[in-house]
Amino acid sequence: MLNGKTALVTGGSGGIGRAVVQRLAAEGANVAVHYAKNAESAARAVEEAQKFGVQALALQADVSLAEQAERLVSETIDALGGLDILVNNAGITRDGLLVRMKDEDWDAVIDTNLKGAFNCSRAAAKHMLRKRWGRIINISSVVGIIGNPGQANYCASKAGLIGFTKALAKELGPRGITVNAVAPGFITTEMTASLPEDVRQRMLSNIPLGFFGEPRDVAAAVAFLASDDARYINGHVLQVDGGLGM
């Protein structure tokens, strides 16, 4: 249980993020729901969280910008009285083959997915270091491990998150802060629903369990890593992919 803890979930208004918000709230944590553009979805996520009797609020920011990430963390602490758990889930895609990929598509994905996690972690760590306790959980992806054609920017950002996770685990671990990553495989969300059927079937054929995951599967992994049950797990990448990444 996470009673008395406070969490900030970036990208908390969409598929996986929203499921994470709901699960952390169900475990008793107060939750700040970050969103970039979808205020309506963030508001719904807040309402869902509040049904569990916890405090919840929505906060807007562009996490790729350091000053806005700093503000996001400060507003979370001011509104909810602290910050114990940071889930770096904010992410975007700008798919395209390497030779056709525009500079701005590369930069946008790296800036949001990787730099955004850096900005938020740096801001949150300052608070966690003073408390000598914290949980930072980065949402990577199985494609950051195995790669995927047409997603050089996305794969690079998610692979970067794994290296970032391991570096922070060694840097912050001595001060009571664990840093881990969750690497989802093919999860049924609005983002994956837009994929062509032939692509979906090809992915399905490579999953030993034979079915696609759901956002709640990722949320369960995040809740575990945030809990005291995971107190001795640090620098780990937990693949939630049905075996796709083997």
C-alpha atoms as a PDB file:
ATOM      1  CA  MET A   1       0.000   0.000   0.000  1.00  0.00           C
ATOM      2  CA  LEU A   2       1.048   3.572  -0.683  1.00  0.00           C
ATOM      3  CA  ASN A   3      -0.986   5.355   1.982  1.00  0.00           C
ATOM      4  CA  GLY A   4       0.483   8.754   2.788  1.00  0.00           C
ATOM      5  CA  LYS A   5       2.677   8.827  -0.322  1.00  0.00           C
ATOM      6  CA  THR A   6       2.461  11.402  -3.097  1.00  0.00           C
ATOM      7  CA  ALA A   7       3.069  10.622  -6.748  1.00  0.00           C
ATOM      8  CA  LEU A   8       3.564  12.663  -9.905  1.00  0.00           C
ATOM      9  CA  VAL A   9       2.723  10.856 -13.137  1.00  0.00           C
ATOM     10  CA  THR A  10       3.833  12.615 -16.302  1.00  0.00           C
ATOM     11  CA  GLY A  11       1.670  11.916 -19.310  1.00  0.00           C
ATOM     12  CA  GLY A  12      -1.008  10.925 -16.838  1.00  0.00           C
ATOM     13  CA  SER A  13      -3.924  11.800 -19.106  1.00  0.00           C
ATOM     14  CA  GLY A  14      -3.422   9.067 -21.708  1.00  0.00           C
ATOM     15  CA  GLY A  15      -3.673   5.248 -21.899  1.00  0.00           C
ATOM     16  CA  ILE A  16      -0.876   3.870 -19.746  1.00  0.00           C
ATOM     17  CA  GLY A  17      -0.473   7.023 -17.683  1.00  0.00           C
ATOM     18  CA  ARG A  18      -4.111   7.107 -16.755  1.00  0.00           C
ATOM     19  CA  ALA A  19      -4.029   3.465 -15.682  1.00  0.00           C
ATOM     20  CA  VAL A  20      -0.972   4.217 -13.541  1.00  0.00           C
ATOM     21  CA  VAL A  21      -2.756   7.158 -11.910  1.00  0.00           C
ATOM     22  CA  GLN A  22      -5.754   4.994 -11.105  1.00  0.00           C
ATOM     23  CA  ARG A  23      -3.663   2.145  -9.683  1.00  0.00           C
ATOM     24  CA  LEU A  24      -1.523   4.410  -7.496  1.00  0.00           C
ATOM     25  CA  ALA A  25      -4.665   6.099  -6.198  1.00  0.00           C
ATOM     26  CA  ALA A  26      -6.204   2.691  -5.488  1.00  0.00           C
ATOM     27  CA  GLU A  27      -3.093   1.904  -3.428  1.00  0.00           C
ATOM     28  CA  GLY A  28      -3.678   5.058  -1.380  1.00  0.00           C
ATOM     29  CA  ALA A  29      -1.309   7.572  -2.958  1.00  0.00           C
ATOM     30  CA  ASN A  30      -2.199  11.186  -3.614  1.00  0.00           C
ATOM     31  CA  VAL A  31      -1.547  11.879  -7.296  1.00  0.00           C
ATOM     32  CA  ALA A  32      -0.625  14.800  -9.518  1.00  0.00           C
ATOM     33  CA  VAL A  33      -1.721  14.111 -13.083  1.00  0.00           C
ATOM     34  CA  HIS A  34       0.509  15.846 -15.596  1.00  0.00           C
ATOM     35  CA  TYR A  35      -0.704  16.596 -19.096  1.00  0.00           C
ATOM     36  CA  ALA A  36       0.670  18.513 -22.047  1.00  0.00           C
ATOM     37  CA  LYS A  37      -2.450  19.302 -24.079  1.00  0.00           C
ATOM     38  CA  ASN A  38      -5.411  17.082 -23.177  1.00  0.00           C
ATOM     39  CA  ALA A  39      -6.932  18.905 -20.218  1.00  0.00           C
ATOM     40  CA  GLU A  40     -10.240  17.074 -20.563  1.00  0.00           C
ATOM     41  CA  SER A  41      -8.668  13.630 -20.287  1.00  0.00           C
ATOM     42  CA  ALA A  42      -6.532  14.785 -17.361  1.00  0.00           C
ATOM     43  CA  ALA A  43      -9.658  16.010 -15.576  1.00  0.00           C
ATOM     44  CA  ARG A  44     -11.252  12.598 -16.033  1.00  0.00           C
ATOM     45  CA  ALA A  45      -8.140  10.935 -14.639  1.00  0.00           C
ATOM     46  CA  VAL A  46      -8.352  13.185 -11.581  1.00  0.00           C
ATOM     47  CA  GLU A  47     -12.010  12.305 -11.050  1.00  0.00           C
ATOM     48  CA  GLU A  48     -11.221   8.593 -11.305  1.00  0.00           C
ATOM     49  CA  ALA A  49      -8.412   8.935  -8.758  1.00  0.00           C
ATOM     50  CA  GLN A  50     -10.532  10.907  -6.300  1.00  0.00           C
ATOM     51  CA  LYS A  51     -13.033   8.058  -6.155  1.00  0.00           C
ATOM     52  CA  PHE A  52     -10.458   6.216  -4.042  1.00  0.00           C
ATOM     53  CA  GLY A  53     -10.567   8.939  -1.404  1.00  0.00           C
ATOM     54  CA  VAL A  54      -7.184  10.455  -2.212  1.00  0.00           C
ATOM     55  CA  GLN A  55      -6.138  13.941  -3.247  1.00  0.00           C
ATOM     56  CA  ALA A  56      -5.600  14.432  -6.968  1.00  0.00           C
ATOM     57  CA  LEU A  57      -5.109  17.352  -9.310  1.00  0.00           C
ATOM     58  CA  ALA A  58      -4.165  18.005 -12.924  1.00  0.00           C
ATOM     59  CA  LEU A  59      -1.103  20.073 -13.835  1.00  0.00           C
ATOM     60  CA  GLN A  60      -0.077  21.257 -17.297  1.00  0.00           C
ATOM     61  CA  ALA A  61       3.533  21.542 -18.451  1.00  0.00           C
ATOM     62  CA  ASP A  62       5.876  20.931 -21.354  1.00  0.00           C
ATOM     63  CA  VAL A  63       8.354  18.605 -19.644  1.00  0.00           C
ATOM     64  CA  SER A  64      10.902  19.079 -22.419  1.00  0.00           C
ATOM     65  CA  LEU A  65      11.493  22.562 -21.004  1.00  0.00           C
ATOM     66  CA  ALA A  66      13.495  22.602 -17.772  1.00  0.00           C
ATOM     67  CA  GLU A  67      11.724  25.583 -16.240  1.00  0.00           C
ATOM     68  CA  GLN A  68       8.303  24.030 -16.801  1.00  0.00           C
ATOM     69  CA  ALA A  69       9.419  20.688 -15.360  1.00  0.00           C
ATOM     70  CA  GLU A  70      10.728  22.521 -12.294  1.00  0.00           C
ATOM     71  CA  ARG A  71       7.401  24.294 -11.957  1.00  0.00           C
ATOM     72  CA  LEU A  72       5.517  21.029 -12.328  1.00  0.00           C
ATOM     73  CA  VAL A  73       7.420  19.444  -9.455  1.00  0.00           C
ATOM     74  CA  SER A  74       7.119  22.568  -7.292  1.00  0.00           C
ATOM     75  CA  GLU A  75       3.366  22.788  -7.856  1.00  0.00           C
ATOM     76  CA  THR A  76       2.990  19.110  -6.953  1.00  0.00           C
ATOM     77  CA  ILE A  77       4.864  19.607  -3.703  1.00  0.00           C
ATOM     78  CA  ASP A  78       2.979  22.793  -2.845  1.00  0.00           C
ATOM     79  CA  ALA A  79      -0.439  21.279  -3.561  1.00  0.00           C
ATOM     80  CA  LEU A  80       0.032  17.804  -2.117  1.00  0.00           C
ATOM     81  CA  GLY A  81       2.625  18.401   0.585  1.00  0.00           C
ATOM     82  CA  GLY A  82       5.529  16.498  -0.907  1.00  0.00           C
ATOM     83  CA  LEU A  83       6.717  14.149  -3.622  1.00  0.00           C
ATOM     84  CA  ASP A  84       7.664  10.528  -3.001  1.00  0.00           C
ATOM     85  CA  ILE A  85       7.094   8.833  -6.352  1.00  0.00           C
ATOM     86  CA  LEU A  86       7.888  10.142  -9.824  1.00  0.00           C
ATOM     87  CA  VAL A  87       6.666   8.199 -12.846  1.00  0.00           C
ATOM     88  CA  ASN A  88       8.259   9.482 -16.053  1.00  0.00           C
ATOM     89  CA  ASN A  89       5.657   8.351 -18.543  1.00  0.00           C
ATOM     90  CA  ALA A  90       5.283  11.332 -20.887  1.00  0.00           C
ATOM     91  CA  GLY A  91       6.064  10.246 -24.422  1.00  0.00           C
ATOM     92  CA  ILE A  92       5.328  10.928 -28.068  1.00  0.00           C
ATOM     93  CA  THR A  93       6.035   9.255 -31.405  1.00  0.00           C
ATOM     94  CA  ARG A  94       7.052  10.755 -34.747  1.00  0.00           C
ATOM     95  CA  ASP A  95       7.617   7.616 -36.795  1.00  0.00           C
ATOM     96  CA  GLY A  96       9.460   7.525 -40.102  1.00  0.00           C
ATOM     97  CA  LEU A  97      12.282   5.793 -41.916  1.00  0.00           C
ATOM     98  CA  LEU A  98      15.740   7.128 -41.090  1.00  0.00           C
ATOM     99  CA  VAL A  99      16.505   8.610 -44.501  1.00  0.00           C
ATOM    100  CA  ARG A 100      13.205  10.505 -44.476  1.00  0.00           C
ATOM    101  CA  MET A 101      13.125  11.532 -40.839  1.00  0.00           C
ATOM    102  CA  LYS A 102      13.080  15.269 -40.288  1.00  0.00           C
ATOM    103  CA  ASP A 103      15.335  16.885 -37.735  1.00  0.00           C
ATOM    104  CA  GLU A 104      12.328  18.275 -35.894  1.00  0.00           C
ATOM    105  CA  ASP A 105      10.784  14.795 -35.591  1.00  0.00           C
ATOM    106  CA  TRP A 106      13.978  13.419 -34.078  1.00  0.00           C
ATOM    107  CA  ASP A 107      14.326  16.365 -31.708  1.00  0.00           C
ATOM    108  CA  ALA A 108      10.684  16.359 -30.580  1.00  0.00           C
ATOM    109  CA  VAL A 109      10.771  12.694 -29.546  1.00  0.00           C
ATOM    110  CA  ILE A 110      14.146  12.896 -27.797  1.00  0.00           C
ATOM    111  CA  ASP A 111      13.203  16.157 -26.060  1.00  0.00           C
ATOM    112  CA  THR A 112       9.910  14.840 -24.668  1.00  0.00           C
ATOM    113  CA  ASN A 113      10.711  11.187 -23.984  1.00  0.00           C
ATOM    114  CA  LEU A 114      14.280  11.450 -22.738  1.00  0.00           C
ATOM    115  CA  LYS A 115      15.034  15.055 -21.857  1.00  0.00           C
ATOM    116  CA  GLY A 116      11.623  15.329 -20.222  1.00  0.00           C
ATOM    117  CA  ALA A 117      12.511  12.476 -17.876  1.00  0.00           C
ATOM    118  CA  PHE A 118      15.846  14.138 -17.138  1.00  0.00           C
ATOM    119  CA  ASN A 119      14.204  17.479 -16.375  1.00  0.00           C
ATOM    120  CA  CYS A 120      11.577  15.991 -14.068  1.00  0.00           C
ATOM    121  CA  SER A 121      13.981  13.625 -12.331  1.00  0.00           C
ATOM    122  CA  ARG A 122      16.471  16.390 -11.631  1.00  0.00           C
ATOM    123  CA  ALA A 123      13.761  18.557 -10.117  1.00  0.00           C
ATOM    124  CA  ALA A 124      12.244  15.704  -8.078  1.00  0.00           C
ATOM    125  CA  ALA A 125      15.600  14.372  -6.881  1.00  0.00           C
ATOM    126  CA  LYS A 126      16.384  17.633  -5.104  1.00  0.00           C
ATOM    127  CA  HIS A 127      13.349  17.065  -2.899  1.00  0.00           C
ATOM    128  CA  MET A 128      13.851  13.322  -2.503  1.00  0.00           C
ATOM    129  CA  LEU A 129      17.492  13.713  -1.532  1.00  0.00           C
ATOM    130  CA  ARG A 130      16.520  15.896   1.394  1.00  0.00           C
ATOM    131  CA  LYS A 131      14.046  13.250   2.558  1.00  0.00           C
ATOM    132  CA  ARG A 132      16.492  10.392   1.847  1.00  0.00           C
ATOM    133  CA  TRP A 133      13.634   8.418   0.289  1.00  0.00           C
ATOM    134  CA  GLY A 134      12.043   8.249  -3.116  1.00  0.00           C
ATOM    135  CA  ARG A 135      10.963   6.182  -6.072  1.00  0.00           C
ATOM    136  CA  ILE A 136      11.660   7.160  -9.681  1.00  0.00           C
ATOM    137  CA  ILE A 137      10.110   4.884 -12.292  1.00  0.00           C
ATOM    138  CA  ASN A 138      10.841   5.480 -15.955  1.00  0.00           C
ATOM    139  CA  ILE A 139       8.509   4.109 -18.609  1.00  0.00           C
ATOM    140  CA  SER A 140      10.775   2.778 -21.334  1.00  0.00           C
ATOM    141  CA  SER A 141       9.681   0.291 -24.026  1.00  0.00           C
ATOM    142  CA  VAL A 142      10.597  -3.123 -25.332  1.00  0.00           C
ATOM    143  CA  VAL A 143      11.663  -1.416 -28.577  1.00  0.00           C
ATOM    144  CA  GLY A 144      14.365   0.337 -26.577  1.00  0.00           C
ATOM    145  CA  ILE A 145      15.811  -3.155 -26.114  1.00  0.00           C
ATOM    146  CA  ILE A 146      15.084  -4.909 -29.419  1.00  0.00           C
ATOM    147  CA  GLY A 147      14.638  -1.967 -31.815  1.00  0.00           C
ATOM    148  CA  ASN A 148      11.909  -1.369 -34.370  1.00  0.00           C
ATOM    149  CA  PRO A 149      12.179  -0.187 -37.998  1.00  0.00           C
ATOM    150  CA  GLY A 150      10.720   3.240 -38.642  1.00  0.00           C
ATOM    151  CA  GLN A 151      11.168   4.286 -35.015  1.00  0.00           C
ATOM    152  CA  ALA A 152      14.830   5.240 -34.728  1.00  0.00           C
ATOM    153  CA  ASN A 153      13.975   8.324 -32.684  1.00  0.00           C
ATOM    154  CA  TYR A 154      11.538   6.524 -30.367  1.00  0.00           C
ATOM    155  CA  CYS A 155      13.834   3.515 -29.885  1.00  0.00           C
ATOM    156  CA  ALA A 156      16.765   5.800 -29.115  1.00  0.00           C
ATOM    157  CA  SER A 157      14.746   7.720 -26.542  1.00  0.00           C
ATOM    158  CA  LYS A 158      13.550   4.552 -24.820  1.00  0.00           C
ATOM    159  CA  ALA A 159      16.998   2.938 -24.876  1.00  0.00           C
ATOM    160  CA  GLY A 160      18.360   6.173 -23.451  1.00  0.00           C
ATOM    161  CA  LEU A 161      15.893   5.916 -20.586  1.00  0.00           C
ATOM    162  CA  ILE A 162      17.352   2.517 -19.674  1.00  0.00           C
ATOM    163  CA  GLY A 163      20.884   3.911 -19.450  1.00  0.00           C
ATOM    164  CA  PHE A 164      19.530   6.929 -17.589  1.00  0.00           C
ATOM    165  CA  THR A 165      17.770   4.612 -15.122  1.00  0.00           C
ATOM    166  CA  LYS A 166      20.920   2.641 -14.344  1.00  0.00           C
ATOM    167  CA  ALA A 167      23.048   5.752 -13.910  1.00  0.00           C
ATOM    168  CA  LEU A 168      20.553   7.342 -11.510  1.00  0.00           C
ATOM    169  CA  ALA A 169      20.141   4.073  -9.600  1.00  0.00           C
ATOM    170  CA  LYS A 170      23.846   4.153  -8.764  1.00  0.00           C
ATOM    171  CA  GLU A 171      23.897   7.887  -8.107  1.00  0.00           C
ATOM    172  CA  LEU A 172      20.786   8.153  -5.927  1.00  0.00           C
ATOM    173  CA  GLY A 173      20.658   4.698  -4.341  1.00  0.00           C
ATOM    174  CA  PRO A 174      23.016   5.618  -1.482  1.00  0.00           C
ATOM    175  CA  ARG A 175      20.474   8.257  -0.418  1.00  0.00           C
ATOM    176  CA  GLY A 176      17.531   5.885  -0.221  1.00  0.00           C
ATOM    177  CA  ILE A 177      16.100   6.558  -3.681  1.00  0.00           C
ATOM    178  CA  THR A 178      15.447   3.635  -6.008  1.00  0.00           C
ATOM    179  CA  VAL A 179      15.322   4.151  -9.755  1.00  0.00           C
ATOM    180  CA  ASN A 180      13.843   1.500 -12.026  1.00  0.00           C
ATOM    181  CA  ALA A 181      12.313   1.220 -15.468  1.00  0.00           C
ATOM    182  CA  VAL A 182       9.286  -0.551 -16.870  1.00  0.00           C
ATOM    183  CA  ALA A 183       9.518  -1.611 -20.503  1.00  0.00           C
ATOM    184  CA  PRO A 184       6.053  -2.315 -21.916  1.00  0.00           C
ATOM    185  CA  GLY A 185       5.596  -4.381 -25.033  1.00  0.00           C
ATOM    186  CA  PHE A 186       2.517  -4.150 -27.247  1.00  0.00           C
ATOM    187  CA  ILE A 187      -0.124  -2.543 -25.023  1.00  0.00           C
ATOM    188  CA  THR A 188      -3.617  -1.795 -26.284  1.00  0.00           C
ATOM    189  CA  THR A 189      -3.909   2.006 -26.226  1.00  0.00           C
ATOM    190  CA  GLU A 190      -5.122   4.694 -28.623  1.00  0.00           C
ATOM    191  CA  MET A 191      -1.548   4.975 -29.885  1.00  0.00           C
ATOM    192  CA  THR A 192      -1.299   1.300 -30.837  1.00  0.00           C
ATOM    193  CA  ALA A 193      -4.895   1.045 -32.047  1.00  0.00           C
ATOM    194  CA  SER A 194      -4.000   3.178 -35.061  1.00  0.00           C
ATOM    195  CA  LEU A 195      -1.465   0.637 -36.346  1.00  0.00           C
ATOM    196  CA  PRO A 196      -2.363  -1.287 -39.524  1.00  0.00           C
ATOM    197  CA  GLU A 197      -3.863  -4.734 -38.913  1.00  0.00           C
ATOM    198  CA  ASP A 198      -0.987  -6.516 -40.656  1.00  0.00           C
ATOM    199  CA  VAL A 199       1.468  -4.858 -38.282  1.00  0.00           C
ATOM    200  CA  ARG A 200      -0.643  -5.853 -35.291  1.00  0.00           C
ATOM    201  CA  GLN A 201      -0.790  -9.462 -36.433  1.00  0.00           C
ATOM    202  CA  ARG A 202       2.956  -9.571 -37.072  1.00  0.00           C
ATOM    203  CA  MET A 203       3.608  -8.280 -33.559  1.00  0.00           C
ATOM    204  CA  LEU A 204       1.137 -10.757 -32.088  1.00  0.00           C
ATOM    205  CA  SER A 205       2.921 -13.661 -33.742  1.00  0.00           C
ATOM    206  CA  ASN A 206       6.110 -12.707 -31.882  1.00  0.00           C
ATOM    207  CA  ILE A 207       4.505 -12.660 -28.418  1.00  0.00           C
ATOM    208  CA  PRO A 208       4.872 -16.059 -26.696  1.00  0.00           C
ATOM    209  CA  LEU A 209       1.798 -15.460 -24.515  1.00  0.00           C
ATOM    210  CA  GLY A 210      -0.265 -14.896 -27.652  1.00  0.00           C
ATOM    211  CA  PHE A 211      -2.138 -11.739 -26.642  1.00  0.00           C
ATOM    212  CA  PHE A 212      -1.621  -8.018 -26.263  1.00  0.00           C
ATOM    213  CA  GLY A 213      -1.198  -6.416 -22.870  1.00  0.00           C
ATOM    214  CA  GLU A 214      -3.433  -3.797 -21.299  1.00  0.00           C
ATOM    215  CA  PRO A 215      -2.534  -0.548 -19.525  1.00  0.00           C
ATOM    216  CA  ARG A 216      -3.410  -2.144 -16.182  1.00  0.00           C
ATOM    217  CA  ASP A 217      -0.581  -4.640 -16.666  1.00  0.00           C
ATOM    218  CA  VAL A 218       1.936  -1.801 -16.820  1.00  0.00           C
ATOM    219  CA  ALA A 219       0.246   0.006 -13.942  1.00  0.00           C
ATOM    220  CA  ALA A 220       0.598  -3.070 -11.740  1.00  0.00           C
ATOM    221  CA  ALA A 221       4.344  -3.176 -12.400  1.00  0.00           C
ATOM    222  CA  VAL A 222       4.683   0.527 -11.566  1.00  0.00           C
ATOM    223  CA  ALA A 223       2.715   0.127  -8.334  1.00  0.00           C
ATOM    224  CA  PHE A 224       4.945  -2.779  -7.298  1.00  0.00           C
ATOM    225  CA  LEU A 225       8.164  -0.842  -7.958  1.00  0.00           C
ATOM    226  CA  ALA A 226       6.764   2.101  -5.989  1.00  0.00           C
ATOM    227  CA  SER A 227       5.938  -0.066  -2.982  1.00  0.00           C
ATOM    228  CA  ASP A 228       8.008  -1.226  -0.035  1.00  0.00           C
ATOM    229  CA  ASP A 229       7.864  -4.727  -1.488  1.00  0.00           C
ATOM    230  CA  ALA A 230      10.368  -3.494  -4.083  1.00  0.00           C
ATOM    231  CA  ARG A 231      12.670  -1.781  -1.582  1.00  0.00           C
ATOM    232  CA  TYR A 232      15.680  -3.869  -2.663  1.00  0.00           C
ATOM    233  CA  ILE A 233      15.124  -3.533  -6.410  1.00  0.00           C
ATOM    234  CA  ASN A 234      17.241  -0.808  -7.966  1.00  0.00           C
ATOM    235  CA  GLY A 235      18.439  -0.173 -11.508  1.00  0.00           C
ATOM    236  CA  HIS A 236      16.183  -2.902 -12.894  1.00  0.00           C
ATOM    237  CA  VAL A 237      14.309  -2.952 -16.208  1.00  0.00           C
ATOM    238  CA  LEU A 238      11.039  -4.815 -15.772  1.00  0.00           C
ATOM    239  CA  GLN A 239       9.724  -5.970 -19.147  1.00  0.00           C
ATOM    240  CA  VAL A 240       5.937  -6.169 -19.335  1.00  0.00           C
ATOM    241  CA  ASP A 241       5.719  -7.601 -22.817  1.00  0.00           C
ATOM    242  CA  GLY A 242       4.410 -11.177 -22.787  1.00  0.00           C
ATOM    243  CA  GLY A 243       7.886 -12.361 -23.751  1.00  0.00           C
ATOM    244  CA  LEU A 244       8.176 -10.202 -26.910  1.00  0.00           C
ATOM    245  CA  GLY A 245      11.589  -8.903 -25.902  1.00  0.00           C
ATOM    246  CA  MET A 246      13.260 -12.259 -25.295  1.00  0.00           C
END
